[in-house]
C-alpha atoms as a PDB file:
ATOM      1  CA  MET A   1       4.473 -38.691  31.344  1.00  0.00           C
ATOM      2  CA  PRO A   2       1.966 -39.593  33.901  1.00  0.00           C
ATOM      3  CA  LEU A   3      -0.978 -37.101  33.966  1.00  0.00           C
ATOM      4  CA  THR A   4      -1.072 -37.308  37.977  1.00  0.00           C
ATOM      5  CA  LEU A   5       2.415 -35.258  38.104  1.00  0.00           C
ATOM      6  CA  THR A   6       1.777 -31.951  39.659  1.00  0.00           C
ATOM      7  CA  TYR A   7       3.494 -28.942  38.051  1.00  0.00           C
ATOM      8  CA  THR A   8       4.104 -25.604  39.821  1.00  0.00           C
ATOM      9  CA  TRP A   9       3.165 -22.603  37.411  1.00  0.00           C
ATOM     10  CA  ARG A  10       4.717 -19.126  37.874  1.00  0.00           C
ATOM     11  CA  ALA A  11       6.486 -16.104  36.342  1.00  0.00           C
ATOM     12  CA  ALA A  12      10.194 -16.830  35.369  1.00  0.00           C
ATOM     13  CA  THR A  13      12.946 -15.007  37.362  1.00  0.00           C
ATOM     14  CA  ALA A  14      16.769 -14.483  36.402  1.00  0.00           C
ATOM     15  CA  ALA A  15      17.650 -17.582  38.721  1.00  0.00           C
ATOM     16  CA  ASP A  16      15.466 -20.080  36.413  1.00  0.00           C
ATOM     17  CA  LEU A  17      17.562 -19.143  33.308  1.00  0.00           C
ATOM     18  CA  PRO A  18      20.092 -21.916  33.473  1.00  0.00           C
ATOM     19  CA  GLY A  19      17.056 -24.509  33.702  1.00  0.00           C
ATOM     20  CA  ILE A  20      15.303 -22.611  31.044  1.00  0.00           C
ATOM     21  CA  HIS A  21      18.533 -23.024  28.928  1.00  0.00           C
ATOM     22  CA  ALA A  22      18.643 -26.563  29.691  1.00  0.00           C
ATOM     23  CA  LEU A  23      14.724 -26.977  28.404  1.00  0.00           C
ATOM     24  CA  LYS A  24      15.571 -25.045  25.242  1.00  0.00           C
ATOM     25  CA  THR A  25      18.494 -27.393  24.750  1.00  0.00           C
ATOM     26  CA  ALA A  26      16.630 -30.637  25.175  1.00  0.00           C
ATOM     27  CA  ALA A  27      13.749 -29.177  23.043  1.00  0.00           C
ATOM     28  CA  GLY A  28      15.860 -28.154  20.186  1.00  0.00           C
ATOM     29  CA  LEU A  29      17.652 -31.409  19.938  1.00  0.00           C
ATOM     30  CA  ALA A  30      14.413 -33.563  20.207  1.00  0.00           C
ATOM     31  CA  ASP A  31      12.747 -31.214  17.512  1.00  0.00           C
ATOM     32  CA  GLY A  32      15.692 -31.294  15.135  1.00  0.00           C
ATOM     33  CA  ASP A  33      16.830 -27.507  15.699  1.00  0.00           C
ATOM     34  CA  PRO A  34      19.829 -27.138  18.157  1.00  0.00           C
ATOM     35  CA  GLY A  35      20.147 -23.441  17.548  1.00  0.00           C
ATOM     36  CA  VAL A  36      19.646 -22.541  21.155  1.00  0.00           C
ATOM     37  CA  PRO A  37      20.622 -19.005  22.356  1.00  0.00           C
ATOM     38  CA  ALA A  38      23.648 -19.131  24.553  1.00  0.00           C
ATOM     39  CA  LEU A  39      23.104 -18.941  28.152  1.00  0.00           C
ATOM     40  CA  ALA A  40      24.720 -15.521  28.682  1.00  0.00           C
ATOM     41  CA  ASP A  41      22.415 -14.071  25.722  1.00  0.00           C
ATOM     42  CA  LEU A  42      19.389 -15.428  27.536  1.00  0.00           C
ATOM     43  CA  GLN A  43      20.548 -13.696  30.545  1.00  0.00           C
ATOM     44  CA  ARG A  44      21.212 -10.448  28.916  1.00  0.00           C
ATOM     45  CA  GLN A  45      18.075 -10.234  27.005  1.00  0.00           C
ATOM     46  CA  PHE A  46      15.856 -11.530  29.823  1.00  0.00           C
ATOM     47  CA  GLU A  47      14.143  -8.346  30.707  1.00  0.00           C
ATOM     48  CA  ASP A  48      13.414  -5.130  28.846  1.00  0.00           C
ATOM     49  CA  ASP A  49      10.723  -2.907  27.879  1.00  0.00           C
ATOM     50  CA  TRP A  50       9.488  -5.701  25.352  1.00  0.00           C
ATOM     51  CA  CYS A  51       9.119  -8.081  27.992  1.00  0.00           C
ATOM     52  CA  LYS A  52       8.636  -7.688  31.327  1.00  0.00           C
ATOM     53  CA  PRO A  53       9.229 -11.300  33.237  1.00  0.00           C
ATOM     54  CA  PRO A  54       6.872 -10.786  36.122  1.00  0.00           C
ATOM     55  CA  PHE A  55       4.148 -10.151  33.872  1.00  0.00           C
ATOM     56  CA  ASP A  56       5.027 -11.601  30.402  1.00  0.00           C
ATOM     57  CA  THR A  57       6.525 -15.136  31.145  1.00  0.00           C
ATOM     58  CA  ARG A  58       5.094 -18.375  32.402  1.00  0.00           C
ATOM     59  CA  LEU A  59       7.168 -21.126  33.702  1.00  0.00           C
ATOM     60  CA  ALA A  60       6.044 -24.753  34.817  1.00  0.00           C
ATOM     61  CA  LEU A  61       8.110 -26.664  37.559  1.00  0.00           C
ATOM     62  CA  ALA A  62       8.168 -30.287  37.863  1.00  0.00           C
ATOM     63  CA  PRO A  63       8.185 -31.590  41.399  1.00  0.00           C
ATOM     64  CA  ASP A  64      12.130 -32.253  41.260  1.00  0.00           C
ATOM     65  CA  GLY A  65      12.640 -28.651  40.191  1.00  0.00           C
ATOM     66  CA  GLN A  66      13.265 -29.338  36.442  1.00  0.00           C
ATOM     67  CA  VAL A  67      11.972 -26.540  34.162  1.00  0.00           C
ATOM     68  CA  ALA A  68       9.223 -28.451  32.443  1.00  0.00           C
ATOM     69  CA  ALA A  69       7.814 -25.510  30.110  1.00  0.00           C
ATOM     70  CA  TYR A  70       8.472 -22.017  29.605  1.00  0.00           C
ATOM     71  CA  GLY A  71       6.691 -19.193  27.540  1.00  0.00           C
ATOM     72  CA  ARG A  72       7.408 -15.774  26.758  1.00  0.00           C
ATOM     73  CA  VAL A  73       5.540 -12.939  25.259  1.00  0.00           C
ATOM     74  CA  VAL A  74       7.441  -9.829  23.427  1.00  0.00           C
ATOM     75  CA  ALA A  75       5.658  -6.784  22.178  1.00  0.00           C
ATOM     76  CA  ASN A  76       6.779  -3.210  21.223  1.00  0.00           C
ATOM     77  CA  PRO A  77       5.889  -1.125  24.313  1.00  0.00           C
ATOM     78  CA  THR A  78       5.447   2.032  22.172  1.00  0.00           C
ATOM     79  CA  PRO A  79       4.187   1.093  18.529  1.00  0.00           C
ATOM     80  CA  GLU A  80       3.823   3.819  16.272  1.00  0.00           C
ATOM     81  CA  ALA A  81       0.348   5.006  15.380  1.00  0.00           C
ATOM     82  CA  GLY A  82      -0.807   3.583  12.037  1.00  0.00           C
ATOM     83  CA  SER A  83       1.842   0.661  12.197  1.00  0.00           C
ATOM     84  CA  PRO A  84       1.147  -2.942  12.925  1.00  0.00           C
ATOM     85  CA  ALA A  85       1.241  -3.870  16.549  1.00  0.00           C
ATOM     86  CA  ARG A  86       2.638  -7.763  17.063  1.00  0.00           C
ATOM     87  CA  ALA A  87       2.757  -9.845  20.020  1.00  0.00           C
ATOM     88  CA  THR A  88       5.099 -12.711  19.510  1.00  0.00           C
ATOM     89  CA  LEU A  89       4.525 -15.914  21.614  1.00  0.00           C
ATOM     90  CA  SER A  90       7.119 -18.302  22.113  1.00  0.00           C
ATOM     91  CA  ASP A  91       6.303 -21.735  23.968  1.00  0.00           C
ATOM     92  CA  THR A  92       8.615 -24.510  24.755  1.00  0.00           C
ATOM     93  CA  VAL A  93       7.924 -27.884  26.698  1.00  0.00           C
ATOM     94  CA  HIS A  94      10.644 -30.318  27.610  1.00  0.00           C
ATOM     95  CA  PRO A  95      10.498 -33.711  25.848  1.00  0.00           C
ATOM     96  CA  ALA A  96      10.181 -35.568  29.019  1.00  0.00           C
ATOM     97  CA  HIS A  97       6.903 -33.506  29.766  1.00  0.00           C
ATOM     98  CA  ARG A  98       5.259 -33.454  26.612  1.00  0.00           C
ATOM     99  CA  GLY A  99       1.761 -35.028  26.555  1.00  0.00           C
ATOM    100  CA  ALA A 100       1.024 -34.156  30.231  1.00  0.00           C
ATOM    101  CA  GLY A 101      -1.183 -31.298  29.173  1.00  0.00           C
ATOM    102  CA  LEU A 102       1.386 -28.452  29.652  1.00  0.00           C
ATOM    103  CA  GLU A 103       1.245 -27.567  25.869  1.00  0.00           C
ATOM    104  CA  GLY A 104      -2.473 -26.352  25.933  1.00  0.00           C
ATOM    105  CA  ALA A 105      -2.346 -24.624  29.283  1.00  0.00           C
ATOM    106  CA  LEU A 106       0.953 -22.478  28.383  1.00  0.00           C
ATOM    107  CA  PHE A 107      -0.393 -21.403  25.195  1.00  0.00           C
ATOM    108  CA  THR A 108      -3.679 -20.395  26.364  1.00  0.00           C
ATOM    109  CA  TRP A 109      -2.025 -18.218  28.963  1.00  0.00           C
ATOM    110  CA  LEU A 110       0.414 -16.787  26.491  1.00  0.00           C
ATOM    111  CA  ALA A 111      -2.569 -16.001  24.036  1.00  0.00           C
ATOM    112  CA  GLU A 112      -4.525 -14.263  26.795  1.00  0.00           C
ATOM    113  CA  ARG A 113      -1.398 -12.310  27.933  1.00  0.00           C
ATOM    114  CA  GLY A 114      -0.586 -11.171  24.065  1.00  0.00           C
ATOM    115  CA  ARG A 115      -4.125  -9.806  23.812  1.00  0.00           C
ATOM    116  CA  ALA A 116      -3.483  -8.020  27.182  1.00  0.00           C
ATOM    117  CA  ARG A 117      -0.361  -6.495  25.822  1.00  0.00           C
ATOM    118  CA  LEU A 118      -1.951  -5.464  22.537  1.00  0.00           C
ATOM    119  CA  ALA A 119      -5.237  -4.056  24.100  1.00  0.00           C
ATOM    120  CA  PRO A 120      -3.801  -0.407  24.500  1.00  0.00           C
ATOM    121  CA  ALA A 121      -2.547  -0.272  20.882  1.00  0.00           C
ATOM    122  CA  THR A 122      -5.913   1.142  19.716  1.00  0.00           C
ATOM    123  CA  ALA A 123      -4.098   3.543  17.037  1.00  0.00           C
ATOM    124  CA  ALA A 124      -2.320   0.568  15.482  1.00  0.00           C
ATOM    125  CA  SER A 125      -3.170  -0.322  11.772  1.00  0.00           C
ATOM    126  CA  SER A 126      -3.635  -3.972  13.019  1.00  0.00           C
ATOM    127  CA  ARG A 127      -3.053  -5.965  16.115  1.00  0.00           C
ATOM    128  CA  THR A 128      -1.798  -9.725  15.609  1.00  0.00           C
ATOM    129  CA  LEU A 129      -0.665 -12.376  17.848  1.00  0.00           C
ATOM    130  CA  CYS A 130       2.285 -14.257  16.414  1.00  0.00           C
ATOM    131  CA  VAL A 131       4.145 -17.598  16.588  1.00  0.00           C
ATOM    132  CA  HIS A 132       6.907 -19.206  14.603  1.00  0.00           C
ATOM    133  CA  VAL A 133       7.393 -22.955  14.096  1.00  0.00           C
ATOM    134  CA  SER A 134       9.067 -25.413  11.945  1.00  0.00           C
ATOM    135  CA  ASP A 135       6.796 -26.981   9.229  1.00  0.00           C
ATOM    136  CA  ASP A 136       7.995 -30.659  10.335  1.00  0.00           C
ATOM    137  CA  LEU A 137       6.503 -30.057  14.013  1.00  0.00           C
ATOM    138  CA  THR A 138       3.015 -30.949  12.652  1.00  0.00           C
ATOM    139  CA  GLU A 139       1.540 -31.442  16.182  1.00  0.00           C
ATOM    140  CA  ARG A 140       2.470 -28.058  17.143  1.00  0.00           C
ATOM    141  CA  VAL A 141       1.188 -26.670  13.944  1.00  0.00           C
ATOM    142  CA  ALA A 142      -2.078 -28.427  14.549  1.00  0.00           C
ATOM    143  CA  ALA A 143      -2.288 -26.974  17.979  1.00  0.00           C
ATOM    144  CA  TYR A 144      -1.744 -23.333  16.896  1.00  0.00           C
ATOM    145  CA  GLN A 145      -4.308 -23.970  14.163  1.00  0.00           C
ATOM    146  CA  HIS A 146      -6.749 -25.274  16.803  1.00  0.00           C
ATOM    147  CA  HIS A 147      -6.230 -21.793  18.505  1.00  0.00           C
ATOM    148  CA  GLY A 148      -7.433 -20.073  15.738  1.00  0.00           C
ATOM    149  CA  PHE A 149      -4.002 -19.157  14.240  1.00  0.00           C
ATOM    150  CA  LYS A 150      -3.555 -18.935  10.410  1.00  0.00           C
ATOM    151  CA  PRO A 151      -0.286 -19.194   8.222  1.00  0.00           C
ATOM    152  CA  SER A 152       1.263 -15.700   7.398  1.00  0.00           C
ATOM    153  CA  PHE A 153       4.669 -16.116   5.811  1.00  0.00           C
ATOM    154  CA  SER A 154       7.238 -18.838   5.252  1.00  0.00           C
ATOM    155  CA  LEU A 155      10.898 -18.970   5.880  1.00  0.00           C
ATOM    156  CA  VAL A 156      13.546 -21.449   4.469  1.00  0.00           C
ATOM    157  CA  ARG A 157      16.877 -22.072   6.013  1.00  0.00           C
ATOM    158  CA  MET A 158      19.696 -22.688   3.495  1.00  0.00           C
ATOM    159  CA  ARG A 159      23.428 -23.533   3.788  1.00  0.00           C
ATOM    160  CA  ARG A 160      26.225 -24.492   1.490  1.00  0.00           C
ATOM    161  CA  PRO A 161      29.446 -26.466   2.162  1.00  0.00           C
ATOM    162  CA  LEU A 162      32.601 -24.246   2.073  1.00  0.00           C
ATOM    163  CA  THR A 163      34.664 -27.127   0.436  1.00  0.00           C
ATOM    164  CA  GLY A 164      35.542 -26.802  -3.250  1.00  0.00           C
ATOM    165  CA  PRO A 165      35.529 -23.808  -5.352  1.00  0.00           C
ATOM    166  CA  LEU A 166      33.948 -20.645  -3.757  1.00  0.00           C
ATOM    167  CA  PRO A 167      31.945 -18.079  -5.926  1.00  0.00           C
ATOM    168  CA  ASP A 168      34.024 -14.859  -6.876  1.00  0.00           C
ATOM    169  CA  TYR A 169      31.943 -11.644  -7.546  1.00  0.00           C
ATOM    170  CA  PRO A 170      34.199  -8.686  -7.473  1.00  0.00           C
ATOM    171  CA  LEU A 171      33.424  -5.274  -5.988  1.00  0.00           C
ATOM    172  CA  PRO A 172      31.902  -3.151  -8.557  1.00  0.00           C
ATOM    173  CA  PRO A 173      33.846   0.131  -9.329  1.00  0.00           C
ATOM    174  CA  GLY A 174      33.157   3.068  -7.179  1.00  0.00           C
ATOM    175  CA  PHE A 175      32.887   1.162  -3.858  1.00  0.00           C
ATOM    176  CA  THR A 176      35.143   0.165  -0.978  1.00  0.00           C
ATOM    177  CA  ARG A 177      34.532  -2.472   1.540  1.00  0.00           C
ATOM    178  CA  ARG A 178      35.815  -2.636   5.026  1.00  0.00           C
ATOM    179  CA  ALA A 179      35.594  -5.151   8.012  1.00  0.00           C
ATOM    180  CA  TYR A 180      33.323  -3.998  10.854  1.00  0.00           C
ATOM    181  CA  ALA A 181      34.912  -1.742  13.323  1.00  0.00           C
ATOM    182  CA  PRO A 182      33.314  -0.104  16.558  1.00  0.00           C
ATOM    183  CA  GLU A 183      33.151   3.541  15.020  1.00  0.00           C
ATOM    184  CA  LEU A 184      30.774   2.187  12.336  1.00  0.00           C
ATOM    185  CA  SER A 185      28.400   0.921  14.796  1.00  0.00           C
ATOM    186  CA  GLU A 186      25.776   3.681  14.635  1.00  0.00           C
ATOM    187  CA  ALA A 187      25.998   4.131  10.693  1.00  0.00           C
ATOM    188  CA  LEU A 188      25.203   0.354  10.607  1.00  0.00           C
ATOM    189  CA  ARG A 189      22.356   0.584  13.011  1.00  0.00           C
ATOM    190  CA  LEU A 190      20.835   3.537  10.864  1.00  0.00           C
ATOM    191  CA  ALA A 191      21.254   1.457   7.605  1.00  0.00           C
ATOM    192  CA  GLN A 192      19.760  -1.529   8.990  1.00  0.00           C
ATOM    193  CA  ASN A 193      16.630   0.696  10.090  1.00  0.00           C
ATOM    194  CA  GLU A 194      16.621   2.182   6.648  1.00  0.00           C
ATOM    195  CA  VAL A 195      16.664  -1.220   4.961  1.00  0.00           C
ATOM    196  CA  PHE A 196      14.064  -2.808   6.835  1.00  0.00           C
ATOM    197  CA  ALA A 197      11.746   0.409   7.196  1.00  0.00           C
ATOM    198  CA  GLU A 198      10.045  -1.080   4.108  1.00  0.00           C
ATOM    199  CA  ASP A 199       8.809  -4.153   5.807  1.00  0.00           C
ATOM    200  CA  PRO A 200       5.841  -3.349   8.075  1.00  0.00           C
ATOM    201  CA  LEU A 201       6.614  -6.305  10.251  1.00  0.00           C
ATOM    202  CA  GLN A 202      10.044  -4.998  11.373  1.00  0.00           C
ATOM    203  CA  ASP A 203      10.398  -2.608  14.130  1.00  0.00           C
ATOM    204  CA  GLN A 204      13.089   0.141  14.342  1.00  0.00           C
ATOM    205  CA  ILE A 205      15.969  -0.871  16.235  1.00  0.00           C
ATOM    206  CA  SER A 206      16.923   1.481  19.162  1.00  0.00           C
ATOM    207  CA  ALA A 207      20.420   2.200  20.117  1.00  0.00           C
ATOM    208  CA  ALA A 208      19.848   0.334  23.453  1.00  0.00           C
ATOM    209  CA  ASP A 209      18.401  -2.749  21.837  1.00  0.00           C
ATOM    210  CA  TRP A 210      21.369  -2.726  19.265  1.00  0.00           C
ATOM    211  CA  GLN A 211      23.800  -2.895  21.872  1.00  0.00           C
ATOM    212  CA  ILE A 212      21.955  -5.875  23.473  1.00  0.00           C
ATOM    213  CA  PHE A 213      20.863  -7.871  20.467  1.00  0.00           C
ATOM    214  CA  TYR A 214      23.663  -7.174  18.033  1.00  0.00           C
ATOM    215  CA  LEU A 215      26.862  -5.845  19.453  1.00  0.00           C
ATOM    216  CA  ASP A 216      26.716  -7.808  22.500  1.00  0.00           C
ATOM    217  CA  ASN A 217      25.587 -10.858  21.167  1.00  0.00           C
ATOM    218  CA  SER A 218      27.707 -14.012  22.155  1.00  0.00           C
ATOM    219  CA  ALA A 219      27.740 -15.084  18.452  1.00  0.00           C
ATOM    220  CA  ALA A 220      28.532 -11.786  17.234  1.00  0.00           C
ATOM    221  CA  ARG A 221      31.737 -11.751  14.866  1.00  0.00           C
ATOM    222  CA  PRO A 222      32.952  -8.400  14.143  1.00  0.00           C
ATOM    223  CA  ASP A 223      35.966 -10.009  11.998  1.00  0.00           C
ATOM    224  CA  LEU A 224      33.776 -11.719   9.919  1.00  0.00           C
ATOM    225  CA  THR A 225      31.239  -8.754   9.449  1.00  0.00           C
ATOM    226  CA  PHE A 226      31.585  -6.566   6.276  1.00  0.00           C
ATOM    227  CA  VAL A 227      30.274  -3.327   5.012  1.00  0.00           C
ATOM    228  CA  ILE A 228      30.474  -1.223   1.884  1.00  0.00           C
ATOM    229  CA  PHE A 229      30.737   2.193   1.329  1.00  0.00           C
ATOM    230  CA  ALA A 230      30.019   4.497  -1.563  1.00  0.00           C
ATOM    231  CA  GLY A 231      32.326   7.434  -0.740  1.00  0.00           C
ATOM    232  CA  PRO A 232      31.392   8.469   2.833  1.00  0.00           C
ATOM    233  CA  GLU A 233      28.148   6.586   2.687  1.00  0.00           C
ATOM    234  CA  LEU A 234      27.685   3.131   4.285  1.00  0.00           C
ATOM    235  CA  VAL A 235      25.273   1.454   1.734  1.00  0.00           C
ATOM    236  CA  ALA A 236      25.523  -2.146   2.231  1.00  0.00           C
ATOM    237  CA  TYR A 237      26.406  -4.738   4.681  1.00  0.00           C
ATOM    238  CA  SER A 238      26.409  -8.360   5.973  1.00  0.00           C
ATOM    239  CA  ILE A 239      26.207  -8.983   9.715  1.00  0.00           C
ATOM    240  CA  ASN A 240      27.684 -12.347  10.251  1.00  0.00           C
ATOM    241  CA  ARG A 241      27.625 -14.534  13.338  1.00  0.00           C
ATOM    242  CA  VAL A 242      29.105 -17.787  14.699  1.00  0.00           C
ATOM    243  CA  HIS A 243      27.110 -19.763  17.162  1.00  0.00           C
ATOM    244  CA  ALA A 244      29.602 -22.051  18.532  1.00  0.00           C
ATOM    245  CA  ASP A 245      27.709 -23.634  21.207  1.00  0.00           C
ATOM    246  CA  GLU A 246      25.354 -25.337  18.701  1.00  0.00           C
ATOM    247  CA  HIS A 247      28.222 -26.993  16.666  1.00  0.00           C
ATOM    248  CA  ALA A 248      28.582 -29.853  18.915  1.00  0.00           C
ATOM    249  CA  HIS A 249      24.877 -30.634  18.360  1.00  0.00           C
ATOM    250  CA  LEU A 250      24.795 -30.048  14.654  1.00  0.00           C
ATOM    251  CA  GLY A 251      27.900 -32.281  13.943  1.00  0.00           C
ATOM    252  CA  TYR A 252      29.378 -29.480  11.846  1.00  0.00           C
ATOM    253  CA  THR A 253      30.749 -25.914  12.169  1.00  0.00           C
ATOM    254  CA  THR A 254      29.004 -23.122  10.439  1.00  0.00           C
ATOM    255  CA  GLY A 255      28.867 -19.136   9.932  1.00  0.00           C
ATOM    256  CA  TRP A 256      25.597 -17.389   9.617  1.00  0.00           C
ATOM    257  CA  ILE A 257      24.700 -14.623   7.279  1.00  0.00           C
ATOM    258  CA  HIS A 258      22.684 -13.122   9.964  1.00  0.00           C
ATOM    259  CA  THR A 259      21.743 -10.006   8.335  1.00  0.00           C
ATOM    260  CA  LEU A 260      22.318  -9.011   4.594  1.00  0.00           C
ATOM    261  CA  GLY A 261      21.148  -5.421   3.237  1.00  0.00           C
ATOM    262  CA  THR A 262      21.590  -2.928   0.741  1.00  0.00           C
ATOM    263  CA  ARG A 263      20.147   0.583   0.829  1.00  0.00           C
ATOM    264  CA  GLN A 264      17.459   1.006  -2.065  1.00  0.00           C
ATOM    265  CA  PRO A 265      19.479   3.672  -4.072  1.00  0.00           C
ATOM    266  CA  TRP A 266      22.335   1.341  -4.278  1.00  0.00           C
ATOM    267  CA  ARG A 267      20.725  -2.027  -5.092  1.00  0.00           C
ATOM    268  CA  ARG A 268      21.090  -4.139  -8.329  1.00  0.00           C
ATOM    269  CA  GLN A 269      24.628  -3.232  -8.569  1.00  0.00           C
ATOM    270  CA  GLY A 270      26.129  -6.755  -7.306  1.00  0.00           C
ATOM    271  CA  LEU A 271      26.915  -5.465  -3.888  1.00  0.00           C
ATOM    272  CA  ALA A 272      24.961  -8.305  -2.062  1.00  0.00           C
ATOM    273  CA  ALA A 273      26.742 -10.923  -4.308  1.00  0.00           C
ATOM    274  CA  HIS A 274      29.783  -9.545  -3.417  1.00  0.00           C
ATOM    275  CA  LEU A 275      29.249  -9.577   0.396  1.00  0.00           C
ATOM    276  CA  LEU A 276      27.875 -13.118   0.187  1.00  0.00           C
ATOM    277  CA  ALA A 277      31.186 -14.374  -1.695  1.00  0.00           C
ATOM    278  CA  THR A 278      33.284 -12.228   0.844  1.00  0.00           C
ATOM    279  CA  SER A 279      31.735 -13.783   3.722  1.00  0.00           C
ATOM    280  CA  LEU A 280      32.089 -17.487   2.354  1.00  0.00           C
ATOM    281  CA  ALA A 281      35.795 -16.955   1.942  1.00  0.00           C
ATOM    282  CA  ALA A 282      35.927 -15.430   5.410  1.00  0.00           C
ATOM    283  CA  PHE A 283      34.155 -18.256   6.899  1.00  0.00           C
ATOM    284  CA  ARG A 284      36.417 -20.838   5.341  1.00  0.00           C
ATOM    285  CA  ALA A 285      39.485 -18.958   6.304  1.00  0.00           C
ATOM    286  CA  ALA A 286      38.089 -19.122   9.887  1.00  0.00           C
ATOM    287  CA  GLY A 287      38.073 -22.783   9.784  1.00  0.00           C
ATOM    288  CA  LEU A 288      34.247 -23.297   9.273  1.00  0.00           C
ATOM    289  CA  GLU A 289      32.769 -25.943   7.278  1.00  0.00           C
ATOM    290  CA  TYR A 290      29.395 -24.450   6.219  1.00  0.00           C
ATOM    291  CA  ALA A 291      27.668 -21.125   5.689  1.00  0.00           C
ATOM    292  CA  THR A 292      23.856 -20.728   6.727  1.00  0.00           C
ATOM    293  CA  LEU A 293      21.096 -18.321   6.362  1.00  0.00           C
ATOM    294  CA  GLU A 294      17.354 -17.684   6.354  1.00  0.00           C
ATOM    295  CA  ALA A 295      15.398 -16.380   3.600  1.00  0.00           C
ATOM    296  CA  ASP A 296      11.755 -15.524   2.928  1.00  0.00           C
ATOM    297  CA  ALA A 297      10.329 -18.584   1.155  1.00  0.00           C
ATOM    298  CA  ALA A 298       8.133 -16.493  -1.140  1.00  0.00           C
ATOM    299  CA  ASP A 299      11.273 -14.649  -2.271  1.00  0.00           C
ATOM    300  CA  PRO A 300       9.736 -11.323  -3.113  1.00  0.00           C
ATOM    301  CA  MET A 301      13.044  -9.386  -3.808  1.00  0.00           C
ATOM    302  CA  GLY A 302      14.688 -12.455  -5.583  1.00  0.00           C
ATOM    303  CA  ALA A 303      17.266 -12.876  -2.645  1.00  0.00           C
ATOM    304  CA  ARG A 304      16.485 -16.648  -2.631  1.00  0.00           C
ATOM    305  CA  ARG A 305      17.484 -16.893  -6.318  1.00  0.00           C
ATOM    306  CA  LEU A 306      20.636 -15.236  -5.359  1.00  0.00           C
ATOM    307  CA  TYR A 307      21.542 -17.612  -2.759  1.00  0.00           C
ATOM    308  CA  GLU A 308      20.810 -20.520  -4.973  1.00  0.00           C
ATOM    309  CA  ARG A 309      23.179 -19.243  -7.673  1.00  0.00           C
ATOM    310  CA  LEU A 310      25.927 -19.015  -4.826  1.00  0.00           C
ATOM    311  CA  GLY A 311      25.224 -22.625  -3.965  1.00  0.00           C
ATOM    312  CA  PHE A 312      22.982 -22.571  -0.963  1.00  0.00           C
ATOM    313  CA  VAL A 313      20.226 -25.381  -0.694  1.00  0.00           C
ATOM    314  CA  VAL A 314      17.150 -25.413   1.526  1.00  0.00           C
ATOM    315  CA  PHE A 315      17.259 -27.804   4.343  1.00  0.00           C
ATOM    316  CA  ARG A 316      14.458 -26.558   6.638  1.00  0.00           C
ATOM    317  CA  HIS A 317      11.048 -24.824   6.321  1.00  0.00           C
ATOM    318  CA  SER A 318       9.268 -22.690   8.861  1.00  0.00           C
ATOM    319  CA  THR A 319       6.126 -20.647   8.994  1.00  0.00           C
ATOM    320  CA  GLU A 320       4.644 -17.805  10.911  1.00  0.00           C
ATOM    321  CA  TYR A 321       1.266 -18.280  12.236  1.00  0.00           C
ATOM    322  CA  VAL A 322      -0.843 -15.424  13.241  1.00  0.00           C
ATOM    323  CA  GLN A 323      -4.235 -14.348  14.890  1.00  0.00           C
ATOM    324  CA  ASP A 324      -5.818 -11.187  13.754  1.00  0.00           C
ATOM    325  CA  LEU A 325      -7.224  -9.325  16.877  1.00  0.00           C
ATOM    326  CA  ASN A 326      -8.741  -6.464  15.007  1.00  0.00           C
END
């Protein structure tokens, strides 16, 4: 890429989203990770209290109008006192425009904006800038480290084929399983918040965000999502998705175990294993070829060992890098 090419920098607008989607698609294919959000989801999730595009986005346009780079800062606008405050930075540069200096300029802006977003959070237990990157993108990893970011935690992406025998974990006595239905939405949201309240890095999901990021997501598959009850109590769930847009780029079809959770009083009774086995069978019945999920590489709760028992194998590693502002 010629260094003499002139780019125009500005905030992104909704009209830029088709170009941003094309940028993310090209970058995902080049980087071996074609899991790009659908354009409809980018449009639906473009602006909310966590990210105000006029202030929290940065875009570089090439002379021909192509979106050459795009970055976004997302942060909880009202973090609870005593809880961590985090600003997540995402930066994407089109493969055709890499090496022209866009990477450094974009990330410097994002880090400065992230610091500004976190400056008011004086009552937070910590203030942290975060980026997430695949481990095999070594140049980006080195760039983040150059900016003073250090590894925080790692994720593994796992998958299993849906051919051959599938595991069978019967539902334990005293429980009932149901497919998701709209009347279960609020109970499912509350269960999700309860399960992840134990994780200091997870924010509580508001009803508005639940609607945007879960119910209205184009990959949502209510017919492939399952919940377990103990009497009237929703106690465990598997929220599953199918990102159909990525199948052509992957070369195979897959269902995602997006979120698997069991409320604390009902853990270690085989509910997660039953939900996984149920999901695998449902994915195969829907004509899908693989099941995919992500897990904490450190495996503090033993979830990864469960996934391995059910035939999942690791095929990708990624790491969150952080910069502590305290």
